[in-house]
Amino acid sequence: MDLLRVGFIGAGGNTRLRHLPGFIGCKGVEPRLVCNRSRESSEKVAQEFGIPEVTEDWQEVVSHPDVDAICIGTWPSTHAEMTIAALEAGKHVLCEARMAADLHQAQSMLDASLKYPELVAQLVPSPLSLSLDASISKLVSGETLGELLEVFACHTFADYQNPDEPLPWRLDRRLSGVNALTLGILHEMVQRWIPEEPKVQYASAGIFTKERLKESTGQFLKVDLPESLDVVASYQCGARLVYHISGVDAAPPRLEVRISGTAGSIFIDLAQQTITLFGNGRESGEAQSVPHTQKRGWQVEKDFIFSIRNAVPVKLTDFKSGLRYMRFSQAVDDAWRLS
């Protein structure tokens, strides 16, 4: 196609920050139609980004004859229905992460994509380590670590510490499903480095504010997703995988991963985008430079268009990889709710 026309279902923060500018920056790509939560907000986005048409019905985006591909930027609870409808209408799909509300919905999305192999079905990847992935994967698979012993991932922040703050969508199971805090974002990243699927052994969740105000309705609703979460899982090789994620920690935030083996450890500071090696005769940490050629960075929209034009498979992130992190998120949700 000389011109690829993209329709947008949902135009929240990430769509306006990344997806719309990303597509506009691709040669031969035109934002054609947008449907946000209200006609007023849709028209505002259309005016800002030069989109010629708006609608109040997402199904009109799916059925629009002048739309070739669809970018879905809504809540996880809506992803399966919208993605399947788009594929059945013959549209390529870029769907925002997290993949779906639960494992069953994720499987239905993968099944639909397999029915239409000529269409590109891509998930927005976890952005935390895009410029570090190649270097980390090389270190993990090489001799730096020796035999893998433990992976520890930690993300702390204070977004949910104040009980008077209204209910955010990430704490609302009706919108987020089984996707707790940033677990899926972190686990998708870790599974790029360590392909083996871990088995969840234990999960514990803290919900400290039992009800929060839903601003759109003025009602107080039950908080039914964790404000704090700990997970212990194990790999078949015997190594442990541990997550600590807290949204109620007012101390300086942490966003880091430590990977330890019999020969040393890798410390990954995701906030600073640095990799440091420890152990194996090193008296102090040894900073690792990341070659510029390996710093992939954000190129999600460019990758999506490239896959469409060249009929090449999606790498970051295909639906099979999405199903893997959804399987883990589902297992964690089952574990803490039954504990």
Protein backbone atom coordinates (compact mmCIF):
# COMPACT_ATOMS: atom_id res chain seq x y z
CA MET A 1 0.00 0.00 0.00
CA ASP A 2 1.23 3.48 -0.82
CA LEU A 3 -0.81 4.90 2.06
CA LEU A 4 -1.66 3.17 5.34
CA ARG A 5 -4.58 4.69 7.22
CA VAL A 6 -4.80 4.14 10.98
CA GLY A 7 -7.88 4.35 13.17
CA PHE A 8 -7.59 4.96 16.90
CA ILE A 9 -9.83 3.47 19.57
CA GLY A 10 -8.92 5.30 22.77
CA ALA A 11 -6.65 8.32 22.85
CA GLY A 12 -5.34 8.44 26.39
CA GLY A 13 -1.96 9.59 27.63
CA ASN A 14 0.23 6.97 25.98
CA THR A 15 -1.58 7.25 22.64
CA ARG A 16 -1.12 11.01 22.57
CA LEU A 17 2.44 10.86 23.89
CA ARG A 18 3.77 8.00 21.79
CA HIS A 19 1.44 6.36 19.29
CA LEU A 20 0.02 9.34 17.44
CA PRO A 21 3.40 11.12 17.05
CA GLY A 22 4.96 7.76 16.18
CA PHE A 23 2.53 7.03 13.37
CA ILE A 24 2.61 10.60 12.09
CA GLY A 25 6.39 10.25 11.87
CA CYS A 26 6.12 7.18 9.62
CA LYS A 27 6.24 7.89 5.90
CA GLY A 28 3.06 7.02 4.07
CA VAL A 29 0.93 6.70 7.21
CA GLU A 30 -2.17 8.77 7.92
CA PRO A 31 -4.21 8.94 11.14
CA ARG A 32 -7.72 8.62 9.70
CA LEU A 33 -10.26 8.33 12.52
CA VAL A 34 -10.37 8.57 16.30
CA CYS A 35 -12.84 7.42 18.95
CA ASN A 36 -12.14 8.49 22.51
CA ARG A 37 -14.39 8.34 25.60
CA SER A 38 -16.45 11.36 24.55
CA ARG A 39 -17.03 13.23 21.33
CA GLU A 40 -15.56 16.35 22.93
CA SER A 41 -12.29 14.62 23.81
CA SER A 42 -12.19 12.93 20.39
CA GLU A 43 -12.54 16.28 18.65
CA LYS A 44 -9.82 17.77 20.83
CA VAL A 45 -7.40 14.97 19.88
CA ALA A 46 -8.40 15.22 16.22
CA GLN A 47 -7.68 18.93 16.18
CA GLU A 48 -4.34 18.53 17.93
CA PHE A 49 -3.07 15.82 15.59
CA GLY A 50 -4.84 16.69 12.35
CA ILE A 51 -7.15 13.66 12.26
CA PRO A 52 -9.93 14.25 9.72
CA GLU A 53 -12.76 12.28 11.33
CA VAL A 54 -14.12 11.39 14.78
CA THR A 55 -16.78 8.98 15.99
CA GLU A 56 -18.44 8.08 19.28
CA ASP A 57 -18.70 4.36 18.44
CA TRP A 58 -15.55 2.23 18.42
CA GLN A 59 -17.26 -0.27 16.10
CA GLU A 60 -17.34 2.43 13.42
CA VAL A 61 -13.54 2.55 13.58
CA VAL A 62 -13.43 -1.22 13.05
CA SER A 63 -15.85 -1.16 10.11
CA HIS A 64 -14.61 2.04 8.47
CA PRO A 65 -13.72 1.31 4.81
CA ASP A 66 -10.85 3.82 4.81
CA VAL A 67 -9.06 2.31 7.83
CA ASP A 68 -6.36 -0.30 7.21
CA ALA A 69 -4.98 -0.69 10.74
CA ILE A 70 -6.26 0.01 14.22
CA CYS A 71 -4.45 1.20 17.33
CA ILE A 72 -6.30 0.15 20.49
CA GLY A 73 -5.45 2.32 23.49
CA THR A 74 -8.22 1.42 25.91
CA TRP A 75 -8.38 -0.53 29.18
CA PRO A 76 -7.35 -4.21 29.24
CA SER A 77 -10.95 -5.32 29.84
CA THR A 78 -11.90 -4.12 26.34
CA HIS A 79 -8.92 -5.42 24.38
CA ALA A 80 -10.20 -8.87 23.47
CA GLU A 81 -13.55 -7.74 22.05
CA MET A 82 -12.01 -4.88 20.08
CA THR A 83 -9.03 -6.85 18.79
CA ILE A 84 -11.10 -9.81 17.62
CA ALA A 85 -13.61 -7.50 15.92
CA ALA A 86 -10.79 -5.64 14.15
CA LEU A 87 -9.14 -8.83 12.90
CA GLU A 88 -12.46 -10.19 11.68
CA ALA A 89 -12.94 -6.93 9.78
CA GLY A 90 -9.59 -7.42 8.05
CA LYS A 91 -7.66 -4.76 9.97
CA HIS A 92 -4.12 -4.99 11.31
CA VAL A 93 -4.03 -4.42 15.09
CA LEU A 94 -1.64 -2.70 17.47
CA CYS A 95 -3.06 -3.25 20.96
CA GLU A 96 -1.92 -1.44 24.07
CA ALA A 97 -0.50 -3.53 26.94
CA ARG A 98 -1.57 -5.31 29.08
CA MET A 99 -2.87 -7.85 26.57
CA ALA A 100 -6.26 -8.63 28.14
CA ALA A 101 -8.27 -8.79 31.36
CA ASP A 102 -7.44 -12.45 31.98
CA LEU A 103 -5.86 -15.53 30.47
CA HIS A 104 -9.05 -16.72 28.77
CA GLN A 105 -9.46 -13.42 26.92
CA ALA A 106 -5.78 -13.43 25.95
CA GLN A 107 -6.12 -16.92 24.51
CA SER A 108 -9.14 -15.81 22.47
CA MET A 109 -7.06 -12.96 21.02
CA LEU A 110 -4.24 -15.31 20.06
CA ASP A 111 -6.70 -17.77 18.51
CA ALA A 112 -8.24 -14.98 16.43
CA SER A 113 -4.84 -13.78 15.24
CA LEU A 114 -3.92 -17.31 14.12
CA LYS A 115 -7.07 -17.41 11.97
CA TYR A 116 -5.81 -14.37 10.06
CA PRO A 117 -2.07 -14.89 9.57
CA GLU A 118 -2.02 -12.30 6.79
CA LEU A 119 -2.82 -9.59 9.36
CA VAL A 120 -0.29 -8.10 11.78
CA ALA A 121 -1.30 -8.48 15.44
CA GLN A 122 1.08 -6.69 17.79
CA LEU A 123 1.07 -5.72 21.46
CA VAL A 124 2.74 -2.59 22.75
CA PRO A 125 5.89 -3.88 24.50
CA SER A 126 7.09 -3.13 27.98
CA PRO A 127 9.23 -0.02 27.43
CA LEU A 128 11.41 -0.29 30.54
CA SER A 129 14.42 -2.05 29.03
CA LEU A 130 14.19 -1.60 25.26
CA SER A 131 17.67 -0.07 25.06
CA LEU A 132 19.18 -2.64 27.45
CA ASP A 133 17.59 -5.91 26.33
CA ALA A 134 20.27 -6.99 23.87
CA SER A 135 23.10 -6.42 26.36
CA ILE A 136 21.27 -8.11 29.26
CA SER A 137 20.29 -11.15 27.18
CA LYS A 138 23.91 -11.57 26.11
CA LEU A 139 25.14 -11.37 29.72
CA VAL A 140 22.51 -13.82 30.99
CA SER A 141 23.17 -16.39 28.29
CA GLY A 142 26.98 -16.09 28.50
CA GLU A 143 29.49 -17.02 31.20
CA THR A 144 29.11 -13.86 33.29
CA LEU A 145 26.55 -15.33 35.70
CA GLY A 146 27.48 -18.99 35.75
CA GLU A 147 24.44 -21.03 36.70
CA LEU A 148 21.34 -18.93 37.33
CA LEU A 149 20.34 -18.75 41.01
CA GLU A 150 17.91 -15.88 41.49
CA VAL A 151 16.12 -13.02 39.76
CA PHE A 152 14.83 -10.21 41.99
CA ALA A 153 12.73 -7.39 40.52
CA CYS A 154 11.60 -4.41 42.57
CA HIS A 155 9.36 -1.47 41.74
CA THR A 156 8.22 0.93 44.47
CA PHE A 157 6.31 4.21 44.23
CA ALA A 158 3.74 6.18 46.25
CA ASP A 159 0.81 6.63 43.85
CA TYR A 160 -1.66 4.74 46.09
CA GLN A 161 -0.43 5.74 49.54
CA ASN A 162 -3.08 8.41 50.11
CA PRO A 163 -6.44 6.75 50.92
CA ASP A 164 -8.28 9.91 49.88
CA GLU A 165 -7.10 9.66 46.29
CA PRO A 166 -9.82 8.44 43.89
CA LEU A 167 -9.87 4.93 42.42
CA PRO A 168 -7.40 4.67 39.53
CA TRP A 169 -8.08 2.22 36.71
CA ARG A 170 -5.07 0.10 37.68
CA LEU A 171 -6.78 -0.77 40.99
CA ASP A 172 -10.15 -1.47 39.36
CA ARG A 173 -10.60 -5.14 38.39
CA ARG A 174 -13.51 -4.17 36.13
CA LEU A 175 -11.02 -2.34 33.92
CA SER A 176 -7.66 -4.04 34.57
CA GLY A 177 -8.71 -7.64 35.16
CA VAL A 178 -5.93 -9.74 36.69
CA ASN A 179 -3.21 -7.21 35.84
CA ALA A 180 -1.81 -6.17 39.22
CA LEU A 181 0.31 -3.02 39.51
CA THR A 182 3.31 -3.27 37.14
CA LEU A 183 3.71 -7.04 37.38
CA GLY A 184 2.93 -7.68 33.72
CA ILE A 185 5.24 -4.90 32.53
CA LEU A 186 8.10 -6.30 34.60
CA HIS A 187 7.48 -9.94 33.76
CA GLU A 188 7.26 -9.34 30.02
CA MET A 189 10.68 -7.73 30.27
CA VAL A 190 12.19 -10.56 32.34
CA GLN A 191 10.86 -13.22 29.96
CA ARG A 192 12.80 -11.57 27.12
CA TRP A 193 16.00 -12.36 28.99
CA ILE A 194 15.07 -15.75 30.44
CA PRO A 195 12.87 -17.74 28.04
CA GLU A 196 11.98 -20.51 30.50
CA GLU A 197 8.52 -20.08 32.04
CA PRO A 198 8.55 -19.98 35.86
CA LYS A 199 5.98 -21.61 38.12
CA VAL A 200 4.31 -19.41 40.73
CA GLN A 201 4.91 -20.78 44.23
CA TYR A 202 3.49 -18.00 46.39
CA ALA A 203 1.86 -14.59 46.12
CA SER A 204 0.78 -12.14 48.81
CA ALA A 205 -1.14 -8.92 48.21
CA GLY A 206 -1.88 -5.89 50.33
CA ILE A 207 -5.07 -3.86 49.83
CA PHE A 208 -4.93 -1.17 52.50
CA THR A 209 -7.68 1.17 51.34
CA LYS A 210 -10.76 -1.01 50.98
CA GLU A 211 -12.86 1.53 49.08
CA ARG A 212 -12.05 4.52 46.90
CA LEU A 213 -14.14 7.16 45.18
CA LYS A 214 -14.98 6.53 41.53
CA GLU A 215 -14.91 10.09 40.23
CA SER A 216 -17.02 9.44 37.14
CA THR A 217 -19.96 8.13 39.21
CA GLY A 218 -19.45 9.74 42.63
CA GLN A 219 -19.70 6.30 44.26
CA PHE A 220 -17.27 4.54 46.55
CA LEU A 221 -16.21 1.23 45.04
CA LYS A 222 -14.32 -1.76 46.40
CA VAL A 223 -10.59 -1.84 45.71
CA ASP A 224 -10.05 -5.35 44.39
CA LEU A 225 -6.50 -5.26 43.00
CA PRO A 226 -3.28 -5.03 45.07
CA GLU A 227 -1.71 -1.82 46.26
CA SER A 228 1.31 -3.93 47.23
CA LEU A 229 2.37 -7.34 45.90
CA ASP A 230 5.02 -9.98 46.54
CA VAL A 231 5.55 -13.01 44.30
CA VAL A 232 7.87 -15.99 44.54
CA ALA A 233 8.22 -18.29 41.54
CA SER A 234 10.70 -20.96 40.47
CA TYR A 235 12.35 -22.00 37.24
CA GLN A 236 12.79 -25.64 36.28
CA CYS A 237 16.56 -25.17 36.59
CA GLY A 238 16.07 -24.47 40.32
CA ALA A 239 16.51 -20.69 40.20
CA ARG A 240 14.07 -18.39 42.02
CA LEU A 241 12.16 -15.43 40.64
CA VAL A 242 11.02 -12.82 43.18
CA TYR A 243 8.94 -9.69 42.62
CA HIS A 244 8.29 -6.90 45.12
CA ILE A 245 5.98 -4.17 43.84
CA SER A 246 4.53 -1.47 46.06
CA GLY A 247 2.40 1.55 45.29
CA VAL A 248 2.39 2.77 48.90
CA ASP A 249 6.11 3.41 49.42
CA ALA A 250 6.86 7.13 49.88
CA ALA A 251 10.62 6.60 50.13
CA PRO A 252 12.72 7.29 47.02
CA PRO A 253 11.28 5.08 44.27
CA ARG A 254 13.07 1.96 43.09
CA LEU A 255 12.90 0.34 39.68
CA GLU A 256 15.56 -2.34 39.46
CA VAL A 257 16.36 -5.97 38.70
CA ARG A 258 19.14 -8.10 40.21
CA ILE A 259 20.10 -11.32 38.45
CA SER A 260 22.42 -13.58 40.44
CA GLY A 261 24.33 -16.71 39.50
CA THR A 262 27.19 -18.88 40.73
CA ALA A 263 29.78 -16.57 39.10
CA GLY A 264 28.39 -13.11 39.87
CA SER A 265 25.43 -10.77 39.70
CA ILE A 266 23.97 -8.26 37.27
CA PHE A 267 22.39 -5.12 38.73
CA ILE A 268 20.03 -3.34 36.34
CA ASP A 269 18.88 0.14 37.33
CA LEU A 270 15.95 0.71 35.00
CA ALA A 271 15.41 4.28 36.20
CA GLN A 272 18.98 5.22 35.30
CA GLN A 273 19.20 2.76 32.38
CA THR A 274 22.47 1.27 33.62
CA ILE A 275 23.93 -2.24 33.95
CA THR A 276 26.56 -3.07 36.58
CA LEU A 277 28.34 -6.37 37.21
CA PHE A 278 29.32 -7.59 40.69
CA GLY A 279 31.27 -10.56 42.04
CA ASN A 280 33.67 -12.96 40.32
CA GLY A 281 36.75 -11.14 41.59
CA ARG A 282 35.44 -7.63 41.08
CA GLU A 283 36.25 -5.51 44.15
CA SER A 284 33.47 -3.10 43.24
CA GLY A 285 30.77 -2.85 40.64
CA GLU A 286 31.86 -2.82 37.02
CA ALA A 287 29.65 -0.58 34.88
CA GLN A 288 28.77 -1.99 31.49
CA SER A 289 28.62 0.31 28.50
CA VAL A 290 25.78 -0.42 26.11
CA PRO A 291 26.81 -0.03 22.46
CA HIS A 292 24.80 2.58 20.64
CA THR A 293 23.86 0.00 18.00
CA GLN A 294 22.15 -2.06 20.70
CA LYS A 295 20.10 0.79 22.14
CA ARG A 296 16.85 0.01 20.44
CA GLY A 297 14.67 2.57 22.16
CA TRP A 298 11.02 3.22 21.34
CA GLN A 299 10.12 2.37 17.75
CA VAL A 300 6.83 0.55 18.26
CA GLU A 301 4.82 2.28 15.56
CA LYS A 302 7.69 2.01 13.07
CA ASP A 303 7.97 -1.73 13.79
CA PHE A 304 4.22 -2.19 13.33
CA ILE A 305 4.20 -0.44 9.96
CA PHE A 306 7.34 -2.32 8.87
CA SER A 307 5.67 -5.66 9.66
CA ILE A 308 2.60 -4.66 7.62
CA ARG A 309 4.52 -3.42 4.59
CA ASN A 310 7.04 -6.25 4.52
CA ALA A 311 4.90 -9.13 5.82
CA VAL A 312 7.44 -9.97 8.51
CA PRO A 313 6.64 -11.41 11.95
CA VAL A 314 6.28 -9.14 14.97
CA LYS A 315 9.12 -9.33 17.51
CA LEU A 316 8.04 -6.86 20.20
CA THR A 317 5.53 -8.00 21.21
CA ASP A 318 3.69 -10.83 19.46
CA PHE A 319 0.50 -12.38 20.84
CA LYS A 320 2.26 -15.62 21.85
CA SER A 321 4.59 -13.64 24.11
CA GLY A 322 1.60 -11.74 25.45
CA LEU A 323 -0.13 -15.01 26.31
CA ARG A 324 2.97 -16.05 28.28
CA TYR A 325 2.93 -12.99 30.53
CA MET A 326 -0.84 -13.25 30.89
CA ARG A 327 -0.43 -16.87 32.01
CA PHE A 328 1.95 -15.68 34.72
CA SER A 329 -0.31 -12.79 35.77
CA GLN A 330 -3.30 -15.12 35.96
CA ALA A 331 -1.35 -17.59 38.13
CA VAL A 332 -0.28 -14.77 40.46
CA ASP A 333 -3.84 -13.47 40.74
CA ASP A 334 -5.13 -16.98 41.52
CA ALA A 335 -2.40 -17.47 44.12
CA TRP A 336 -2.88 -14.30 46.19
CA ARG A 337 -6.66 -14.47 46.09
CA LEU A 338 -6.65 -18.06 47.38
CA SER A 339 -3.97 -17.49 50.03
